[in-house]
Amino acid sequence: MFINDSSWGITPVNSFIHPSLRQLVLSTTGQDVYRCRGCSLCDVQAGDQDIPLNSLVQLVLMNDDEALNCRTLWSEEVLQTARSACIRELNLESMILTLRQEALRRGYQAPSMEVLS
């Protein structure tokens, strides 16, 4: 279901229930993930991730709920790497922590990494 808003074009109705993931990260952390240029330099291989870190950023930009339900979001190894991973100086660590809080708020549960590894 969509509504017509002349200033923004066609807007999904569910965007009024939850802000977009990009808007959430921006308002919570001040980090605009739109600055990501997809250079892939932030990608590291961690044993408990299912998608690369740059793909997580792209899911946030697309407002895809998979960003809230992927193992990469809950990986402590990815979180540590995110602290200094972005050459454009995006604070990916704060993005991850914000997404974790939103996932829990929406009722998602952190996967058990021991079972999934």
N, C-alpha and C. Protein backbone atom coordinates (compact mmCIF):
# COMPACT_ATOMS: atom_id res chain seq x y z
N MET A 1 0.84 -1.17 0.00
CA MET A 1 0.00 0.00 0.00
C MET A 1 0.89 1.24 0.00
N PHE A 2 0.52 2.21 -0.83
CA PHE A 2 1.31 3.42 -0.97
C PHE A 2 0.41 4.64 -0.80
N ILE A 3 1.01 5.74 -0.42
CA ILE A 3 0.30 7.01 -0.42
C ILE A 3 1.06 7.97 -1.31
N ASN A 4 0.37 8.97 -1.80
CA ASN A 4 1.02 9.94 -2.68
C ASN A 4 1.34 11.19 -1.88
N ASP A 5 2.58 11.54 -1.83
CA ASP A 5 3.05 12.74 -1.16
C ASP A 5 3.81 13.54 -2.20
N SER A 6 3.31 14.70 -2.57
CA SER A 6 3.89 15.45 -3.69
C SER A 6 5.35 15.84 -3.46
N SER A 7 5.76 16.00 -2.20
CA SER A 7 7.14 16.41 -1.97
C SER A 7 8.12 15.25 -2.04
N TRP A 8 7.65 14.03 -1.81
CA TRP A 8 8.54 12.88 -1.80
C TRP A 8 8.18 11.84 -2.84
N GLY A 9 7.10 12.02 -3.56
CA GLY A 9 6.67 11.02 -4.52
C GLY A 9 5.85 9.96 -3.81
N ILE A 10 5.93 8.75 -4.29
CA ILE A 10 5.17 7.64 -3.70
C ILE A 10 5.94 7.10 -2.50
N THR A 11 5.26 6.94 -1.37
CA THR A 11 5.89 6.51 -0.13
C THR A 11 5.18 5.27 0.41
N PRO A 12 5.91 4.21 0.74
CA PRO A 12 5.25 3.05 1.35
C PRO A 12 4.66 3.44 2.70
N VAL A 13 3.46 2.94 2.96
CA VAL A 13 2.78 3.25 4.21
C VAL A 13 3.56 2.76 5.41
N ASN A 14 4.23 1.59 5.33
CA ASN A 14 4.95 1.05 6.49
C ASN A 14 6.12 1.93 6.91
N SER A 15 6.52 2.89 6.07
CA SER A 15 7.61 3.79 6.49
C SER A 15 7.15 4.73 7.60
N PHE A 16 5.83 4.83 7.81
CA PHE A 16 5.33 5.65 8.89
C PHE A 16 5.31 4.87 10.20
N ILE A 17 5.36 3.56 10.13
CA ILE A 17 5.41 2.73 11.32
C ILE A 17 6.84 2.74 11.87
N HIS A 18 7.80 2.52 11.00
CA HIS A 18 9.22 2.51 11.37
C HIS A 18 9.93 3.49 10.44
N PRO A 19 10.84 4.28 10.97
CA PRO A 19 11.64 5.11 10.06
C PRO A 19 12.52 4.19 9.21
N SER A 20 12.98 4.68 8.07
CA SER A 20 13.88 3.86 7.28
C SER A 20 15.13 3.58 8.12
N LEU A 21 15.80 2.50 7.81
CA LEU A 21 17.01 2.15 8.56
C LEU A 21 18.06 3.24 8.41
N ARG A 22 18.16 3.82 7.22
CA ARG A 22 19.11 4.92 7.02
C ARG A 22 18.76 6.10 7.91
N GLN A 23 17.47 6.46 7.96
CA GLN A 23 17.04 7.57 8.81
C GLN A 23 17.30 7.27 10.28
N LEU A 24 17.08 6.03 10.68
CA LEU A 24 17.31 5.63 12.06
C LEU A 24 18.78 5.79 12.43
N VAL A 25 19.66 5.27 11.59
CA VAL A 25 21.10 5.38 11.84
C VAL A 25 21.52 6.85 11.86
N LEU A 26 21.02 7.62 10.93
CA LEU A 26 21.38 9.04 10.86
C LEU A 26 20.92 9.80 12.10
N SER A 27 19.67 9.57 12.51
CA SER A 27 19.15 10.32 13.66
C SER A 27 19.78 9.86 14.98
N THR A 28 20.15 8.60 15.07
CA THR A 28 20.71 8.07 16.31
C THR A 28 22.21 8.35 16.44
N THR A 29 22.94 8.22 15.33
CA THR A 29 24.39 8.29 15.40
C THR A 29 24.99 9.51 14.71
N GLY A 30 24.22 10.17 13.86
CA GLY A 30 24.75 11.26 13.06
C GLY A 30 25.53 10.77 11.84
N GLN A 31 25.56 9.46 11.64
CA GLN A 31 26.29 8.86 10.53
C GLN A 31 25.34 8.64 9.35
N ASP A 32 25.64 9.21 8.20
CA ASP A 32 24.82 9.02 7.01
C ASP A 32 25.46 7.93 6.15
N VAL A 33 24.87 6.75 6.18
CA VAL A 33 25.45 5.63 5.44
C VAL A 33 25.39 5.85 3.93
N TYR A 34 24.68 6.88 3.50
CA TYR A 34 24.67 7.23 2.08
C TYR A 34 26.06 7.63 1.61
N ARG A 35 26.94 8.00 2.55
CA ARG A 35 28.32 8.34 2.20
C ARG A 35 29.12 7.13 1.75
N CYS A 36 28.62 5.93 2.02
CA CYS A 36 29.32 4.71 1.59
C CYS A 36 29.37 4.67 0.07
N ARG A 37 30.54 4.41 -0.44
CA ARG A 37 30.72 4.32 -1.89
C ARG A 37 30.92 2.89 -2.36
N GLY A 38 30.73 1.94 -1.48
CA GLY A 38 30.82 0.54 -1.87
C GLY A 38 32.21 0.11 -2.29
N CYS A 39 33.22 0.68 -1.68
CA CYS A 39 34.60 0.36 -2.07
C CYS A 39 35.02 -1.05 -1.63
N SER A 40 34.30 -1.63 -0.68
CA SER A 40 34.55 -2.99 -0.16
C SER A 40 35.80 -3.10 0.69
N LEU A 41 36.45 -1.99 1.02
CA LEU A 41 37.64 -2.06 1.86
C LEU A 41 37.29 -2.43 3.30
N CYS A 42 36.03 -2.30 3.68
CA CYS A 42 35.61 -2.63 5.04
C CYS A 42 35.35 -4.13 5.20
N ASP A 43 35.38 -4.86 4.11
CA ASP A 43 35.06 -6.29 4.18
C ASP A 43 36.21 -7.10 4.75
N VAL A 44 35.89 -7.84 5.76
CA VAL A 44 36.82 -8.82 6.32
C VAL A 44 36.04 -10.12 6.44
N GLN A 45 36.74 -11.19 6.44
CA GLN A 45 36.07 -12.47 6.57
C GLN A 45 36.10 -12.90 8.02
N ALA A 46 34.93 -12.93 8.62
CA ALA A 46 34.79 -13.43 9.99
C ALA A 46 34.01 -14.73 9.91
N GLY A 47 34.36 -15.67 10.75
CA GLY A 47 33.74 -16.98 10.71
C GLY A 47 32.25 -16.97 10.98
N ASP A 48 31.77 -15.95 11.68
CA ASP A 48 30.36 -15.95 12.06
C ASP A 48 29.53 -14.91 11.31
N GLN A 49 30.00 -14.47 10.15
CA GLN A 49 29.20 -13.53 9.36
C GLN A 49 28.62 -14.26 8.16
N ASP A 50 27.45 -13.81 7.73
CA ASP A 50 26.83 -14.42 6.57
C ASP A 50 26.84 -13.50 5.35
N ILE A 51 27.02 -12.20 5.57
CA ILE A 51 27.15 -11.26 4.46
C ILE A 51 28.29 -10.31 4.78
N PRO A 52 28.96 -9.78 3.77
CA PRO A 52 30.04 -8.82 4.02
C PRO A 52 29.51 -7.54 4.65
N LEU A 53 30.36 -6.83 5.35
CA LEU A 53 29.97 -5.60 6.03
C LEU A 53 29.45 -4.56 5.04
N ASN A 54 30.08 -4.44 3.87
CA ASN A 54 29.57 -3.45 2.91
C ASN A 54 28.18 -3.83 2.41
N SER A 55 27.86 -5.11 2.37
CA SER A 55 26.51 -5.53 1.99
C SER A 55 25.51 -5.17 3.08
N LEU A 56 25.93 -5.21 4.33
CA LEU A 56 25.07 -4.79 5.43
C LEU A 56 24.73 -3.30 5.26
N VAL A 57 25.72 -2.50 4.91
CA VAL A 57 25.48 -1.07 4.69
C VAL A 57 24.50 -0.89 3.53
N GLN A 58 24.67 -1.66 2.47
CA GLN A 58 23.76 -1.55 1.32
C GLN A 58 22.33 -1.96 1.70
N LEU A 59 22.18 -2.97 2.56
CA LEU A 59 20.85 -3.36 3.03
C LEU A 59 20.20 -2.24 3.83
N VAL A 60 20.99 -1.51 4.60
CA VAL A 60 20.48 -0.36 5.34
C VAL A 60 20.00 0.69 4.35
N LEU A 61 20.78 0.96 3.33
CA LEU A 61 20.38 1.95 2.33
C LEU A 61 19.10 1.55 1.61
N MET A 62 18.90 0.25 1.40
CA MET A 62 17.69 -0.24 0.72
C MET A 62 16.52 -0.43 1.69
N ASN A 63 16.76 -0.17 2.97
CA ASN A 63 15.75 -0.35 4.01
C ASN A 63 15.24 -1.79 4.03
N ASP A 64 16.15 -2.72 3.87
CA ASP A 64 15.82 -4.15 3.84
C ASP A 64 15.95 -4.72 5.25
N ASP A 65 14.87 -5.35 5.73
CA ASP A 65 14.88 -5.92 7.08
C ASP A 65 15.91 -7.04 7.26
N GLU A 66 16.45 -7.55 6.17
CA GLU A 66 17.51 -8.56 6.31
C GLU A 66 18.69 -7.99 7.09
N ALA A 67 18.87 -6.68 7.03
CA ALA A 67 19.94 -6.04 7.80
C ALA A 67 19.77 -6.27 9.29
N LEU A 68 18.53 -6.45 9.73
CA LEU A 68 18.26 -6.65 11.16
C LEU A 68 18.26 -8.11 11.57
N ASN A 69 18.35 -9.00 10.60
CA ASN A 69 18.20 -10.42 10.88
C ASN A 69 19.39 -11.25 10.41
N CYS A 70 20.48 -10.60 10.03
CA CYS A 70 21.63 -11.34 9.54
C CYS A 70 22.62 -11.61 10.67
N ARG A 71 23.40 -12.66 10.52
CA ARG A 71 24.40 -13.00 11.54
C ARG A 71 25.50 -11.95 11.62
N THR A 72 25.81 -11.31 10.50
CA THR A 72 26.86 -10.29 10.48
C THR A 72 26.57 -9.19 11.49
N LEU A 73 25.31 -8.80 11.62
CA LEU A 73 24.93 -7.75 12.56
C LEU A 73 25.30 -8.11 13.99
N TRP A 74 25.24 -9.38 14.32
CA TRP A 74 25.43 -9.83 15.70
C TRP A 74 26.84 -10.34 15.97
N SER A 75 27.71 -10.31 14.97
CA SER A 75 29.07 -10.82 15.11
C SER A 75 29.95 -9.83 15.89
N GLU A 76 30.52 -10.30 16.99
CA GLU A 76 31.43 -9.45 17.77
C GLU A 76 32.72 -9.18 17.00
N GLU A 77 33.15 -10.15 16.21
CA GLU A 77 34.36 -9.96 15.40
C GLU A 77 34.14 -8.87 14.35
N VAL A 78 32.99 -8.86 13.71
CA VAL A 78 32.67 -7.81 12.75
C VAL A 78 32.57 -6.46 13.46
N LEU A 79 31.96 -6.45 14.64
CA LEU A 79 31.83 -5.20 15.41
C LEU A 79 33.20 -4.60 15.71
N GLN A 80 34.15 -5.44 16.11
CA GLN A 80 35.49 -4.95 16.41
C GLN A 80 36.17 -4.41 15.14
N THR A 81 35.99 -5.10 14.04
CA THR A 81 36.58 -4.67 12.78
C THR A 81 35.95 -3.37 12.30
N ALA A 82 34.66 -3.20 12.57
CA ALA A 82 33.94 -2.02 12.09
C ALA A 82 34.45 -0.72 12.70
N ARG A 83 35.15 -0.82 13.81
CA ARG A 83 35.64 0.38 14.50
C ARG A 83 36.55 1.23 13.62
N SER A 84 37.31 0.58 12.77
CA SER A 84 38.26 1.33 11.94
C SER A 84 38.22 0.87 10.48
N ALA A 85 37.10 0.33 10.05
CA ALA A 85 37.04 -0.29 8.74
C ALA A 85 36.81 0.68 7.59
N CYS A 86 36.16 1.81 7.84
CA CYS A 86 35.74 2.68 6.74
C CYS A 86 36.76 3.77 6.46
N ILE A 87 37.23 3.83 5.21
CA ILE A 87 38.19 4.87 4.84
C ILE A 87 37.49 6.23 4.68
N ARG A 88 36.16 6.24 4.57
CA ARG A 88 35.40 7.49 4.50
C ARG A 88 35.00 7.96 5.89
N GLU A 89 35.54 7.28 6.90
CA GLU A 89 35.37 7.62 8.30
C GLU A 89 33.92 7.53 8.79
N LEU A 90 33.15 6.62 8.18
CA LEU A 90 31.84 6.31 8.74
C LEU A 90 32.06 5.48 10.00
N ASN A 91 31.32 5.76 11.02
CA ASN A 91 31.43 5.00 12.26
C ASN A 91 30.52 3.79 12.15
N LEU A 92 31.02 2.74 11.54
CA LEU A 92 30.23 1.54 11.30
C LEU A 92 29.90 0.81 12.59
N GLU A 93 30.75 0.98 13.60
CA GLU A 93 30.47 0.36 14.90
C GLU A 93 29.17 0.94 15.48
N SER A 94 29.01 2.23 15.45
CA SER A 94 27.79 2.82 16.00
C SER A 94 26.58 2.45 15.16
N MET A 95 26.76 2.29 13.84
CA MET A 95 25.68 1.83 12.98
C MET A 95 25.22 0.44 13.40
N ILE A 96 26.18 -0.46 13.62
CA ILE A 96 25.85 -1.83 14.01
C ILE A 96 25.12 -1.84 15.36
N LEU A 97 25.61 -1.09 16.31
CA LEU A 97 24.97 -1.06 17.63
C LEU A 97 23.54 -0.50 17.55
N THR A 98 23.34 0.50 16.72
CA THR A 98 22.00 1.06 16.52
C THR A 98 21.09 0.03 15.87
N LEU A 99 21.59 -0.68 14.87
CA LEU A 99 20.78 -1.70 14.19
C LEU A 99 20.44 -2.85 15.13
N ARG A 100 21.37 -3.20 16.01
CA ARG A 100 21.07 -4.25 17.00
C ARG A 100 19.92 -3.82 17.91
N GLN A 101 19.96 -2.58 18.38
CA GLN A 101 18.88 -2.09 19.24
C GLN A 101 17.54 -2.09 18.50
N GLU A 102 17.56 -1.67 17.24
CA GLU A 102 16.32 -1.65 16.45
C GLU A 102 15.81 -3.06 16.20
N ALA A 103 16.71 -3.98 15.94
CA ALA A 103 16.29 -5.38 15.72
C ALA A 103 15.59 -5.92 16.96
N LEU A 104 16.15 -5.68 18.11
CA LEU A 104 15.54 -6.14 19.35
C LEU A 104 14.20 -5.44 19.58
N ARG A 105 14.13 -4.15 19.27
CA ARG A 105 12.89 -3.40 19.44
C ARG A 105 11.78 -3.96 18.55
N ARG A 106 12.16 -4.43 17.35
CA ARG A 106 11.18 -4.99 16.42
C ARG A 106 10.88 -6.46 16.68
N GLY A 107 11.54 -7.03 17.69
CA GLY A 107 11.23 -8.41 18.06
C GLY A 107 12.15 -9.47 17.49
N TYR A 108 13.19 -9.06 16.78
CA TYR A 108 14.17 -10.03 16.29
C TYR A 108 15.03 -10.47 17.47
N GLN A 109 15.54 -11.67 17.40
CA GLN A 109 16.43 -12.17 18.43
C GLN A 109 17.80 -12.41 17.84
N ALA A 110 18.81 -12.14 18.63
CA ALA A 110 20.18 -12.40 18.17
C ALA A 110 20.34 -13.90 17.99
N PRO A 111 20.88 -14.32 16.85
CA PRO A 111 21.10 -15.76 16.65
C PRO A 111 22.21 -16.26 17.56
N SER A 112 22.12 -17.51 17.89
CA SER A 112 23.18 -18.14 18.67
C SER A 112 24.33 -18.45 17.73
N MET A 113 25.43 -17.74 17.89
CA MET A 113 26.56 -17.90 16.98
C MET A 113 27.21 -19.27 17.11
N GLU A 114 27.15 -19.87 18.28
CA GLU A 114 27.74 -21.20 18.45
C GLU A 114 27.02 -22.23 17.59
N VAL A 115 25.71 -22.11 17.51
CA VAL A 115 24.91 -23.06 16.74
C VAL A 115 25.11 -22.83 15.26
N LEU A 116 25.26 -21.57 14.84
CA LEU A 116 25.33 -21.25 13.42
C LEU A 116 26.71 -21.43 12.83
N SER A 117 27.75 -21.45 13.64
CA SER A 117 29.11 -21.53 13.11
C SER A 117 29.41 -22.91 12.56
